[in-house]
């Protein structure tokens, strides 16, 4: 199952560059080629992405990956979910940093900025 983060990142890359190869997508995401293939197949099966062969390509395995209308809706949904998740991470990290700074300042180990 794809996490919201992977769905977001994949759909974002495909929207920006429909002609991206699976190898390039895997490299951009920091995942294996096999996982990129698995993810794309899952998105195609769910009707979020459509794969078309390049018409004028000498490489018969070259595809263009297009987001379907359902894919655009899903991208919007996962973008909001991803943003909420990252904002929550940011707030937690900010609280932790504030707490650590207070602790260090109380012990006189660091001067106030």
PDB file of N, CA and C in Angstrom:
ATOM      1  N   UNK A   1       0.841  -1.189   0.000  1.00  0.00           N
ATOM      2  CA  UNK A   1       0.000   0.000   0.000  1.00  0.00           C
ATOM      3  C   UNK A   1       0.885   1.252   0.000  1.00  0.00           C
ATOM      4  N   UNK A   2       0.490   2.231  -0.786  1.00  0.00           N
ATOM      5  CA  UNK A   2       1.257   3.463  -0.892  1.00  0.00           C
ATOM      6  C   UNK A   2       0.858   4.429   0.206  1.00  0.00           C
ATOM      7  N   UNK A   3       1.855   5.026   0.824  1.00  0.00           N
ATOM      8  CA  UNK A   3       1.577   6.058   1.825  1.00  0.00           C
ATOM      9  C   UNK A   3       1.168   7.338   1.105  1.00  0.00           C
ATOM     10  N   UNK A   4       0.532   8.240   1.846  1.00  0.00           N
ATOM     11  CA  UNK A   4       0.164   9.537   1.265  1.00  0.00           C
ATOM     12  C   UNK A   4       1.401  10.262   0.751  1.00  0.00           C
ATOM     13  N   UNK A   5       2.511  10.120   1.477  1.00  0.00           N
ATOM     14  CA  UNK A   5       3.731  10.814   1.061  1.00  0.00           C
ATOM     15  C   UNK A   5       4.205  10.320  -0.300  1.00  0.00           C
ATOM     16  N   UNK A   6       4.230   8.996  -0.500  1.00  0.00           N
ATOM     17  CA  UNK A   6       4.675   8.477  -1.801  1.00  0.00           C
ATOM     18  C   UNK A   6       3.689   8.830  -2.900  1.00  0.00           C
ATOM     19  N   UNK A   7       2.380   8.722  -2.619  1.00  0.00           N
ATOM     20  CA  UNK A   7       1.389   9.110  -3.623  1.00  0.00           C
ATOM     21  C   UNK A   7       1.589  10.575  -4.004  1.00  0.00           C
ATOM     22  N   UNK A   8       1.764  11.422  -3.000  1.00  0.00           N
ATOM     23  CA  UNK A   8       1.980  12.850  -3.258  1.00  0.00           C
ATOM     24  C   UNK A   8       3.214  13.057  -4.128  1.00  0.00           C
ATOM     25  N   UNK A   9       4.326  12.471  -3.723  1.00  0.00           N
ATOM     26  CA  UNK A   9       5.584  12.699  -4.456  1.00  0.00           C
ATOM     27  C   UNK A   9       5.526  12.158  -5.888  1.00  0.00           C
ATOM     28  N   UNK A  10       4.953  10.978  -6.052  1.00  0.00           N
ATOM     29  CA  UNK A  10       4.859  10.385  -7.393  1.00  0.00           C
ATOM     30  C   UNK A  10       3.946  11.215  -8.283  1.00  0.00           C
ATOM     31  N   UNK A  11       2.760  11.544  -7.779  1.00  0.00           N
ATOM     32  CA  UNK A  11       1.821  12.327  -8.585  1.00  0.00           C
ATOM     33  C   UNK A  11       2.392  13.698  -8.918  1.00  0.00           C
ATOM     34  N   UNK A  12       3.124  14.279  -7.995  1.00  0.00           N
ATOM     35  CA  UNK A  12       3.758  15.577  -8.244  1.00  0.00           C
ATOM     36  C   UNK A  12       4.779  15.464  -9.375  1.00  0.00           C
ATOM     37  N   UNK A  13       5.618  14.425  -9.331  1.00  0.00           N
ATOM     38  CA  UNK A  13       6.629  14.231 -10.382  1.00  0.00           C
ATOM     39  C   UNK A  13       5.974  13.958 -11.736  1.00  0.00           C
ATOM     40  N   UNK A  14       4.928  13.132 -11.739  1.00  0.00           N
ATOM     41  CA  UNK A  14       4.271  12.797 -13.006  1.00  0.00           C
ATOM     42  C   UNK A  14       3.555  13.998 -13.608  1.00  0.00           C
ATOM     43  N   UNK A  15       2.963  14.825 -12.753  1.00  0.00           N
ATOM     44  CA  UNK A  15       2.301  16.023 -13.255  1.00  0.00           C
ATOM     45  C   UNK A  15       3.326  16.977 -13.880  1.00  0.00           C
ATOM     46  N   UNK A  16       4.470  17.112 -13.231  1.00  0.00           N
ATOM     47  CA  UNK A  16       5.511  18.018 -13.718  1.00  0.00           C
ATOM     48  C   UNK A  16       6.200  17.489 -14.977  1.00  0.00           C
ATOM     49  N   UNK A  17       6.365  16.161 -15.061  1.00  0.00           N
ATOM     50  CA  UNK A  17       7.087  15.565 -16.192  1.00  0.00           C
ATOM     51  C   UNK A  17       6.472  14.216 -16.549  1.00  0.00           C
ATOM     52  N   UNK A  18       5.399  14.213 -17.364  1.00  0.00           N
ATOM     53  CA  UNK A  18       4.731  12.953 -17.720  1.00  0.00           C
ATOM     54  C   UNK A  18       5.639  11.956 -18.440  1.00  0.00           C
ATOM     55  N   UNK A  19       6.691  12.442 -19.073  1.00  0.00           N
ATOM     56  CA  UNK A  19       7.570  11.558 -19.837  1.00  0.00           C
ATOM     57  C   UNK A  19       8.747  11.040 -19.010  1.00  0.00           C
ATOM     58  N   UNK A  20       8.703  11.241 -17.704  1.00  0.00           N
ATOM     59  CA  UNK A  20       9.770  10.759 -16.833  1.00  0.00           C
ATOM     60  C   UNK A  20       9.829   9.223 -16.911  1.00  0.00           C
ATOM     61  N   UNK A  21      11.023   8.690 -16.953  1.00  0.00           N
ATOM     62  CA  UNK A  21      11.163   7.227 -16.999  1.00  0.00           C
ATOM     63  C   UNK A  21      11.029   6.672 -15.583  1.00  0.00           C
ATOM     64  N   UNK A  22      10.733   5.401 -15.493  1.00  0.00           N
ATOM     65  CA  UNK A  22      10.647   4.776 -14.180  1.00  0.00           C
ATOM     66  C   UNK A  22      11.983   4.869 -13.451  1.00  0.00           C
ATOM     67  N   UNK A  23      13.059   4.747 -14.169  1.00  0.00           N
ATOM     68  CA  UNK A  23      14.392   4.841 -13.575  1.00  0.00           C
ATOM     69  C   UNK A  23      14.634   6.239 -13.014  1.00  0.00           C
ATOM     70  N   UNK A  24      14.255   7.272 -13.764  1.00  0.00           N
ATOM     71  CA  UNK A  24      14.408   8.648 -13.289  1.00  0.00           C
ATOM     72  C   UNK A  24      13.506   8.923 -12.086  1.00  0.00           C
ATOM     73  N   UNK A  25      12.291   8.388 -12.133  1.00  0.00           N
ATOM     74  CA  UNK A  25      11.359   8.559 -11.016  1.00  0.00           C
ATOM     75  C   UNK A  25      11.905   7.888  -9.763  1.00  0.00           C
ATOM     76  N   UNK A  26      12.423   6.682  -9.920  1.00  0.00           N
ATOM     77  CA  UNK A  26      12.994   5.955  -8.779  1.00  0.00           C
ATOM     78  C   UNK A  26      14.148   6.743  -8.169  1.00  0.00           C
ATOM     79  N   UNK A  27      15.004   7.280  -9.015  1.00  0.00           N
ATOM     80  CA  UNK A  27      16.148   8.056  -8.519  1.00  0.00           C
ATOM     81  C   UNK A  27      15.678   9.309  -7.790  1.00  0.00           C
ATOM     82  N   UNK A  28      14.698  10.016  -8.362  1.00  0.00           N
ATOM     83  CA  UNK A  28      14.182  11.243  -7.748  1.00  0.00           C
ATOM     84  C   UNK A  28      13.544  10.970  -6.388  1.00  0.00           C
ATOM     85  N   UNK A  29      12.925   9.797  -6.241  1.00  0.00           N
ATOM     86  CA  UNK A  29      12.249   9.440  -4.990  1.00  0.00           C
ATOM     87  C   UNK A  29      13.159   8.720  -4.004  1.00  0.00           C
ATOM     88  N   UNK A  30      14.322   8.286  -4.480  1.00  0.00           N
ATOM     89  CA  UNK A  30      15.235   7.546  -3.614  1.00  0.00           C
ATOM     90  C   UNK A  30      14.744   6.145  -3.308  1.00  0.00           C
ATOM     91  N   UNK A  31      14.092   5.521  -4.295  1.00  0.00           N
ATOM     92  CA  UNK A  31      13.578   4.162  -4.120  1.00  0.00           C
ATOM     93  C   UNK A  31      14.126   3.282  -5.238  1.00  0.00           C
ATOM     94  N   UNK A  32      13.912   1.989  -5.127  1.00  0.00           N
ATOM     95  CA  UNK A  32      14.395   1.072  -6.159  1.00  0.00           C
ATOM     96  C   UNK A  32      13.517   1.164  -7.402  1.00  0.00           C
ATOM     97  N   UNK A  33      14.063   0.741  -8.521  1.00  0.00           N
ATOM     98  CA  UNK A  33      13.325   0.723  -9.775  1.00  0.00           C
ATOM     99  C   UNK A  33      12.103  -0.185  -9.653  1.00  0.00           C
ATOM    100  N   UNK A  34      12.270  -1.325  -8.991  1.00  0.00           N
ATOM    101  CA  UNK A  34      11.159  -2.251  -8.796  1.00  0.00           C
ATOM    102  C   UNK A  34      10.025  -1.630  -7.997  1.00  0.00           C
ATOM    103  N   UNK A  35      10.380  -0.872  -6.959  1.00  0.00           N
ATOM    104  CA  UNK A  35       9.342  -0.204  -6.154  1.00  0.00           C
ATOM    105  C   UNK A  35       8.645   0.879  -6.970  1.00  0.00           C
ATOM    106  N   UNK A  36       9.400   1.611  -7.795  1.00  0.00           N
ATOM    107  CA  UNK A  36       8.790   2.633  -8.652  1.00  0.00           C
ATOM    108  C   UNK A  36       7.803   1.980  -9.610  1.00  0.00           C
ATOM    109  N   UNK A  37       8.189   0.844 -10.193  1.00  0.00           N
ATOM    110  CA  UNK A  37       7.312   0.107 -11.092  1.00  0.00           C
ATOM    111  C   UNK A  37       6.049  -0.342 -10.358  1.00  0.00           C
ATOM    112  N   UNK A  38       6.216  -0.884  -9.158  1.00  0.00           N
ATOM    113  CA  UNK A  38       5.089  -1.343  -8.349  1.00  0.00           C
ATOM    114  C   UNK A  38       4.136  -0.180  -8.050  1.00  0.00           C
ATOM    115  N   UNK A  39       4.694   0.959  -7.655  1.00  0.00           N
ATOM    116  CA  UNK A  39       3.883   2.136  -7.316  1.00  0.00           C
ATOM    117  C   UNK A  39       3.104   2.637  -8.530  1.00  0.00           C
ATOM    118  N   UNK A  40       3.777   2.716  -9.677  1.00  0.00           N
ATOM    119  CA  UNK A  40       3.096   3.172 -10.890  1.00  0.00           C
ATOM    120  C   UNK A  40       1.973   2.227 -11.285  1.00  0.00           C
ATOM    121  N   UNK A  41       2.226   0.922 -11.193  1.00  0.00           N
ATOM    122  CA  UNK A  41       1.183  -0.049 -11.522  1.00  0.00           C
ATOM    123  C   UNK A  41      -0.015   0.106 -10.590  1.00  0.00           C
ATOM    124  N   UNK A  42       0.257   0.343  -9.303  1.00  0.00           N
ATOM    125  CA  UNK A  42      -0.830   0.516  -8.334  1.00  0.00           C
ATOM    126  C   UNK A  42      -1.651   1.762  -8.656  1.00  0.00           C
ATOM    127  N   UNK A  43      -0.975   2.845  -9.039  1.00  0.00           N
ATOM    128  CA  UNK A  43      -1.681   4.081  -9.387  1.00  0.00           C
ATOM    129  C   UNK A  43      -2.488   3.919 -10.672  1.00  0.00           C
ATOM    130  N   UNK A  44      -1.956   3.159 -11.614  1.00  0.00           N
ATOM    131  CA  UNK A  44      -2.667   2.889 -12.868  1.00  0.00           C
ATOM    132  C   UNK A  44      -3.902   2.036 -12.580  1.00  0.00           C
ATOM    133  N   UNK A  45      -3.745   0.991 -11.745  1.00  0.00           N
ATOM    134  CA  UNK A  45      -4.872   0.114 -11.406  1.00  0.00           C
ATOM    135  C   UNK A  45      -5.980   0.865 -10.684  1.00  0.00           C
ATOM    136  N   UNK A  46      -5.618   1.870  -9.889  1.00  0.00           N
ATOM    137  CA  UNK A  46      -6.617   2.668  -9.163  1.00  0.00           C
ATOM    138  C   UNK A  46      -7.239   3.746 -10.043  1.00  0.00           C
ATOM    139  N   UNK A  47      -6.764   3.869 -11.269  1.00  0.00           N
ATOM    140  CA  UNK A  47      -7.326   4.834 -12.200  1.00  0.00           C
ATOM    141  C   UNK A  47      -6.842   6.255 -11.982  1.00  0.00           C
ATOM    142  N   UNK A  48      -5.709   6.408 -11.281  1.00  0.00           N
ATOM    143  CA  UNK A  48      -5.178   7.739 -11.005  1.00  0.00           C
ATOM    144  C   UNK A  48      -4.206   8.202 -12.081  1.00  0.00           C
ATOM    145  N   UNK A  49      -3.609   7.242 -12.770  1.00  0.00           N
ATOM    146  CA  UNK A  49      -2.596   7.526 -13.796  1.00  0.00           C
ATOM    147  C   UNK A  49      -2.903   6.680 -15.016  1.00  0.00           C
ATOM    148  N   UNK A  50      -2.665   7.253 -16.176  1.00  0.00           N
ATOM    149  CA  UNK A  50      -2.809   6.528 -17.434  1.00  0.00           C
ATOM    150  C   UNK A  50      -1.443   6.503 -18.111  1.00  0.00           C
ATOM    151  N   UNK A  51      -1.031   5.347 -18.593  1.00  0.00           N
ATOM    152  CA  UNK A  51       0.264   5.212 -19.275  1.00  0.00           C
ATOM    153  C   UNK A  51       0.024   5.060 -20.770  1.00  0.00           C
ATOM    154  N   UNK A  52       0.716   5.880 -21.556  1.00  0.00           N
ATOM    155  CA  UNK A  52       0.636   5.807 -23.021  1.00  0.00           C
ATOM    156  C   UNK A  52       2.025   5.616 -23.589  1.00  0.00           C
ATOM    157  N   UNK A  53       2.134   4.736 -24.598  1.00  0.00           N
ATOM    158  CA  UNK A  53       3.402   4.585 -25.311  1.00  0.00           C
ATOM    159  C   UNK A  53       3.685   5.847 -26.103  1.00  0.00           C
ATOM    160  N   UNK A  54       4.959   6.208 -26.194  1.00  0.00           N
ATOM    161  CA  UNK A  54       5.333   7.316 -27.077  1.00  0.00           C
ATOM    162  C   UNK A  54       5.062   6.867 -28.506  1.00  0.00           C
ATOM    163  N   UNK A  55       4.422   7.685 -29.260  1.00  0.00           N
ATOM    164  CA  UNK A  55       4.103   7.317 -30.643  1.00  0.00           C
ATOM    165  C   UNK A  55       5.347   7.343 -31.536  1.00  0.00           C
ATOM    166  N   UNK A  56       6.196   8.317 -31.354  1.00  0.00           N
ATOM    167  CA  UNK A  56       7.360   8.493 -32.241  1.00  0.00           C
ATOM    168  C   UNK A  56       8.652   8.032 -31.586  1.00  0.00           C
ATOM    169  N   UNK A  57       8.554   7.134 -30.637  1.00  0.00           N
ATOM    170  CA  UNK A  57       9.750   6.711 -29.923  1.00  0.00           C
ATOM    171  C   UNK A  57      10.325   5.443 -30.537  1.00  0.00           C
ATOM    172  N   UNK A  58      11.646   5.401 -30.655  1.00  0.00           N
ATOM    173  CA  UNK A  58      12.315   4.181 -31.100  1.00  0.00           C
ATOM    174  C   UNK A  58      12.341   3.158 -29.977  1.00  0.00           C
ATOM    175  N   UNK A  59      12.193   3.633 -28.756  1.00  0.00           N
ATOM    176  CA  UNK A  59      12.207   2.762 -27.587  1.00  0.00           C
ATOM    177  C   UNK A  59      10.765   2.382 -27.273  1.00  0.00           C
ATOM    178  N   UNK A  60      10.371   1.162 -27.591  1.00  0.00           N
ATOM    179  CA  UNK A  60       8.985   0.740 -27.421  1.00  0.00           C
ATOM    180  C   UNK A  60       8.538   0.700 -25.959  1.00  0.00           C
ATOM    181  N   UNK A  61       9.492   0.659 -25.049  1.00  0.00           N
ATOM    182  CA  UNK A  61       9.118   0.601 -23.635  1.00  0.00           C
ATOM    183  C   UNK A  61       8.974   1.993 -23.021  1.00  0.00           C
ATOM    184  N   UNK A  62       9.105   3.040 -23.827  1.00  0.00           N
ATOM    185  CA  UNK A  62       8.989   4.405 -23.316  1.00  0.00           C
ATOM    186  C   UNK A  62       7.512   4.755 -23.156  1.00  0.00           C
ATOM    187  N   UNK A  63       7.182   5.259 -21.989  1.00  0.00           N
ATOM    188  CA  UNK A  63       5.800   5.636 -21.694  1.00  0.00           C
ATOM    189  C   UNK A  63       5.724   7.070 -21.228  1.00  0.00           C
ATOM    190  N   UNK A  64       4.553   7.636 -21.408  1.00  0.00           N
ATOM    191  CA  UNK A  64       4.222   8.920 -20.798  1.00  0.00           C
ATOM    192  C   UNK A  64       3.132   8.614 -19.778  1.00  0.00           C
ATOM    193  N   UNK A  65       3.272   9.152 -18.581  1.00  0.00           N
ATOM    194  CA  UNK A  65       2.328   8.891 -17.497  1.00  0.00           C
ATOM    195  C   UNK A  65       1.522  10.156 -17.239  1.00  0.00           C
ATOM    196  N   UNK A  66       0.229  10.070 -17.470  1.00  0.00           N
ATOM    197  CA  UNK A  66      -0.647  11.224 -17.314  1.00  0.00           C
ATOM    198  C   UNK A  66      -1.599  11.018 -16.146  1.00  0.00           C
ATOM    199  N   UNK A  67      -1.802  12.072 -15.376  1.00  0.00           N
ATOM    200  CA  UNK A  67      -2.783  12.012 -14.310  1.00  0.00           C
ATOM    201  C   UNK A  67      -4.175  12.073 -14.926  1.00  0.00           C
ATOM    202  N   UNK A  68      -5.049  11.219 -14.442  1.00  0.00           N
ATOM    203  CA  UNK A  68      -6.443  11.231 -14.865  1.00  0.00           C
ATOM    204  C   UNK A  68      -7.170  12.289 -14.031  1.00  0.00           C
ATOM    205  N   UNK A  69      -8.406  12.622 -14.381  1.00  0.00           N
ATOM    206  CA  UNK A  69      -9.159  13.541 -13.521  1.00  0.00           C
ATOM    207  C   UNK A  69      -9.214  13.043 -12.075  1.00  0.00           C
ATOM    208  N   UNK A  70      -9.392  11.745 -11.915  1.00  0.00           N
ATOM    209  CA  UNK A  70      -9.376  11.145 -10.578  1.00  0.00           C
ATOM    210  C   UNK A  70      -7.994  11.305  -9.937  1.00  0.00           C
ATOM    211  N   UNK A  71      -6.949  11.233 -10.755  1.00  0.00           N
ATOM    212  CA  UNK A  71      -5.583  11.417 -10.274  1.00  0.00           C
ATOM    213  C   UNK A  71      -5.333  12.834  -9.779  1.00  0.00           C
ATOM    214  N   UNK A  72      -5.894  13.819 -10.482  1.00  0.00           N
ATOM    215  CA  UNK A  72      -5.757  15.212 -10.044  1.00  0.00           C
ATOM    216  C   UNK A  72      -6.482  15.435  -8.717  1.00  0.00           C
ATOM    217  N   UNK A  73      -7.663  14.811  -8.569  1.00  0.00           N
ATOM    218  CA  UNK A  73      -8.396  14.912  -7.300  1.00  0.00           C
ATOM    219  C   UNK A  73      -7.595  14.274  -6.169  1.00  0.00           C
ATOM    220  N   UNK A  74      -7.035  13.113  -6.434  1.00  0.00           N
ATOM    221  CA  UNK A  74      -6.231  12.413  -5.422  1.00  0.00           C
ATOM    222  C   UNK A  74      -4.995  13.218  -5.061  1.00  0.00           C
ATOM    223  N   UNK A  75      -4.369  13.839  -6.061  1.00  0.00           N
ATOM    224  CA  UNK A  75      -3.188  14.649  -5.792  1.00  0.00           C
ATOM    225  C   UNK A  75      -3.549  15.811  -4.876  1.00  0.00           C
ATOM    226  N   UNK A  76      -4.674  16.441  -5.121  1.00  0.00           N
ATOM    227  CA  UNK A  76      -5.111  17.547  -4.258  1.00  0.00           C
ATOM    228  C   UNK A  76      -5.355  17.039  -2.834  1.00  0.00           C
ATOM    229  N   UNK A  77      -5.995  15.884  -2.707  1.00  0.00           N
ATOM    230  CA  UNK A  77      -6.282  15.323  -1.391  1.00  0.00           C
ATOM    231  C   UNK A  77      -5.002  14.973  -0.645  1.00  0.00           C
ATOM    232  N   UNK A  78      -4.080  14.295  -1.304  1.00  0.00           N
ATOM    233  CA  UNK A  78      -2.848  13.890  -0.620  1.00  0.00           C
ATOM    234  C   UNK A  78      -1.923  15.074  -0.375  1.00  0.00           C
ATOM    235  N   UNK A  79      -2.026  16.119  -1.194  1.00  0.00           N
ATOM    236  CA  UNK A  79      -1.237  17.327  -0.947  1.00  0.00           C
ATOM    237  C   UNK A  79      -1.659  17.947   0.379  1.00  0.00           C
ATOM    238  N   UNK A  80      -2.962  18.037   0.603  1.00  0.00           N
ATOM    239  CA  UNK A  80      -3.468  18.584   1.867  1.00  0.00           C
ATOM    240  C   UNK A  80      -3.051  17.699   3.042  1.00  0.00           C
ATOM    241  N   UNK A  81      -3.187  16.378   2.887  1.00  0.00           N
ATOM    242  CA  UNK A  81      -2.805  15.452   3.960  1.00  0.00           C
ATOM    243  C   UNK A  81      -1.305  15.536   4.243  1.00  0.00           C
ATOM    244  N   UNK A  82      -0.499  15.602   3.196  1.00  0.00           N
ATOM    245  CA  UNK A  82       0.955  15.685   3.349  1.00  0.00           C
ATOM    246  C   UNK A  82       1.340  16.990   4.037  1.00  0.00           C
ATOM    247  N   UNK A  83       0.710  18.092   3.634  1.00  0.00           N
ATOM    248  CA  UNK A  83       0.982  19.384   4.247  1.00  0.00           C
ATOM    249  C   UNK A  83       0.625  19.369   5.732  1.00  0.00           C
ATOM    250  N   UNK A  84      -0.525  18.819   6.076  1.00  0.00           N
ATOM    251  CA  UNK A  84      -0.922  18.729   7.494  1.00  0.00           C
ATOM    252  C   UNK A  84       0.091  17.919   8.289  1.00  0.00           C
ATOM    253  N   UNK A  85       0.522  16.816   7.718  1.00  0.00           N
ATOM    254  CA  UNK A  85       1.509  15.953   8.389  1.00  0.00           C
ATOM    255  C   UNK A  85       2.821  16.699   8.611  1.00  0.00           C
ATOM    256  N   UNK A  86       3.298  17.388   7.585  1.00  0.00           N
ATOM    257  CA  UNK A  86       4.565  18.119   7.696  1.00  0.00           C
ATOM    258  C   UNK A  86       4.457  19.290   8.667  1.00  0.00           C
ATOM    259  N   UNK A  87       3.305  19.965   8.694  1.00  0.00           N
ATOM    260  CA  UNK A  87       3.110  21.055   9.650  1.00  0.00           C
ATOM    261  C   UNK A  87       3.113  20.529  11.090  1.00  0.00           C
ATOM    262  N   UNK A  88       2.499  19.366  11.297  1.00  0.00           N
ATOM    263  CA  UNK A  88       2.502  18.761  12.635  1.00  0.00           C
ATOM    264  C   UNK A  88       3.925  18.382  13.035  1.00  0.00           C
ATOM    265  N   UNK A  89       4.700  17.822  12.103  1.00  0.00           N
ATOM    266  CA  UNK A  89       6.104  17.499  12.370  1.00  0.00           C
ATOM    267  C   UNK A  89       6.887  18.765  12.715  1.00  0.00           C
ATOM    268  N   UNK A  90       6.643  19.828  11.964  1.00  0.00           N
ATOM    269  CA  UNK A  90       7.326  21.096  12.182  1.00  0.00           C
ATOM    270  C   UNK A  90       7.010  21.639  13.578  1.00  0.00           C
ATOM    271  N   UNK A  91       5.736  21.634  13.961  1.00  0.00           N
ATOM    272  CA  UNK A  91       5.340  22.156  15.271  1.00  0.00           C
ATOM    273  C   UNK A  91       5.965  21.331  16.400  1.00  0.00           C
ATOM    274  N   UNK A  92       5.988  20.004  16.245  1.00  0.00           N
ATOM    275  CA  UNK A  92       6.594  19.144  17.265  1.00  0.00           C
ATOM    276  C   UNK A  92       8.092  19.421  17.380  1.00  0.00           C
ATOM    277  N   UNK A  93       8.744  19.558  16.251  1.00  0.00           N
ATOM    278  CA  UNK A  93      10.180  19.838  16.247  1.00  0.00           C
ATOM    279  C   UNK A  93      10.466  21.223  16.840  1.00  0.00           C
ATOM    280  N   UNK A  94       9.636  22.189  16.513  1.00  0.00           N
ATOM    281  CA  UNK A  94       9.801  23.537  17.054  1.00  0.00           C
ATOM    282  C   UNK A  94       9.657  23.514  18.583  1.00  0.00           C
ATOM    283  N   UNK A  95       8.684  22.778  19.097  1.00  0.00           N
ATOM    284  CA  UNK A  95       8.507  22.667  20.552  1.00  0.00           C
ATOM    285  C   UNK A  95       9.720  22.007  21.200  1.00  0.00           C
ATOM    286  N   UNK A  96      10.234  20.976  20.553  1.00  0.00           N
ATOM    287  CA  UNK A  96      11.406  20.277  21.081  1.00  0.00           C
ATOM    288  C   UNK A  96      12.627  21.203  21.096  1.00  0.00           C
ATOM    289  N   UNK A  97      12.807  21.974  20.036  1.00  0.00           N
ATOM    290  CA  UNK A  97      13.932  22.912  19.973  1.00  0.00           C
ATOM    291  C   UNK A  97      13.791  23.979  21.051  1.00  0.00           C
ATOM    292  N   UNK A  98      12.594  24.529  21.212  1.00  0.00           N
ATOM    293  CA  UNK A  98      12.356  25.536  22.251  1.00  0.00           C
ATOM    294  C   UNK A  98      12.663  24.971  23.633  1.00  0.00           C
ATOM    295  N   UNK A  99      12.239  23.751  23.882  1.00  0.00           N
ATOM    296  CA  UNK A  99      12.483  23.106  25.168  1.00  0.00           C
ATOM    297  C   UNK A  99      13.985  22.904  25.405  1.00  0.00           C
ATOM    298  N   UNK A 100      14.684  22.440  24.404  1.00  0.00           N
ATOM    299  CA  UNK A 100      16.132  22.231  24.523  1.00  0.00           C
ATOM    300  C   UNK A 100      16.862  23.550  24.732  1.00  0.00           C
ATOM    301  N   UNK A 101      16.460  24.596  24.019  1.00  0.00           N
ATOM    302  CA  UNK A 101      17.092  25.901  24.194  1.00  0.00           C
ATOM    303  C   UNK A 101      16.873  26.418  25.616  1.00  0.00           C
ATOM    304  N   UNK A 102      15.664  26.261  26.121  1.00  0.00           N
ATOM    305  CA  UNK A 102      15.380  26.699  27.502  1.00  0.00           C
ATOM    306  C   UNK A 102      16.247  25.949  28.496  1.00  0.00           C
ATOM    307  N   UNK A 103      16.352  24.658  28.302  1.00  0.00           N
ATOM    308  CA  UNK A 103      17.161  23.824  29.198  1.00  0.00           C
ATOM    309  C   UNK A 103      18.628  24.257  29.184  1.00  0.00           C
ATOM    310  N   UNK A 104      19.156  24.471  27.994  1.00  0.00           N
ATOM    311  CA  UNK A 104      20.558  24.865  27.847  1.00  0.00           C
ATOM    312  C   UNK A 104      20.784  26.262  28.436  1.00  0.00           C
ATOM    313  N   UNK A 105      19.847  27.176  28.187  1.00  0.00           N
ATOM    314  CA  UNK A 105      19.975  28.533  28.725  1.00  0.00           C
ATOM    315  C   UNK A 105      19.913  28.528  30.258  1.00  0.00           C
ATOM    316  N   UNK A 106      19.039  27.705  30.827  1.00  0.00           N
ATOM    317  CA  UNK A 106      18.916  27.614  32.285  1.00  0.00           C
ATOM    318  C   UNK A 106      20.203  27.106  32.915  1.00  0.00           C
ATOM    319  N   UNK A 107      20.878  26.246  32.234  1.00  0.00           N
ATOM    320  CA  UNK A 107      22.127  25.684  32.757  1.00  0.00           C
ATOM    321  C   UNK A 107      23.326  26.571  32.420  1.00  0.00           C
ATOM    322  N   UNK A 108      23.082  27.663  31.693  1.00  0.00           N
ATOM    323  CA  UNK A 108      24.157  28.591  31.358  1.00  0.00           C
ATOM    324  C   UNK A 108      25.135  28.049  30.330  1.00  0.00           C
ATOM    325  N   UNK A 109      24.723  27.105  29.541  1.00  0.00           N
ATOM    326  CA  UNK A 109      25.610  26.504  28.550  1.00  0.00           C
ATOM    327  C   UNK A 109      25.608  27.237  27.211  1.00  0.00           C
ATOM    328  N   UNK A 110      24.661  28.142  27.045  1.00  0.00           N
ATOM    329  CA  UNK A 110      24.533  28.850  25.786  1.00  0.00           C
ATOM    330  C   UNK A 110      24.045  30.272  26.064  1.00  0.00           C
ATOM    331  N   UNK A 111      24.586  31.215  25.317  1.00  0.00           N
ATOM    332  CA  UNK A 111      24.136  32.602  25.450  1.00  0.00           C
ATOM    333  C   UNK A 111      22.850  32.792  24.675  1.00  0.00           C
ATOM    334  N   UNK A 112      22.039  33.719  25.116  1.00  0.00           N
ATOM    335  CA  UNK A 112      20.782  34.021  24.403  1.00  0.00           C
ATOM    336  C   UNK A 112      21.105  34.586  23.026  1.00  0.00           C
ATOM    337  N   UNK A 113      20.326  34.185  22.046  1.00  0.00           N
ATOM    338  CA  UNK A 113      20.564  34.699  20.679  1.00  0.00           C
ATOM    339  C   UNK A 113      20.201  36.155  20.536  1.00  0.00           C
TER     340      UNK A 113
END
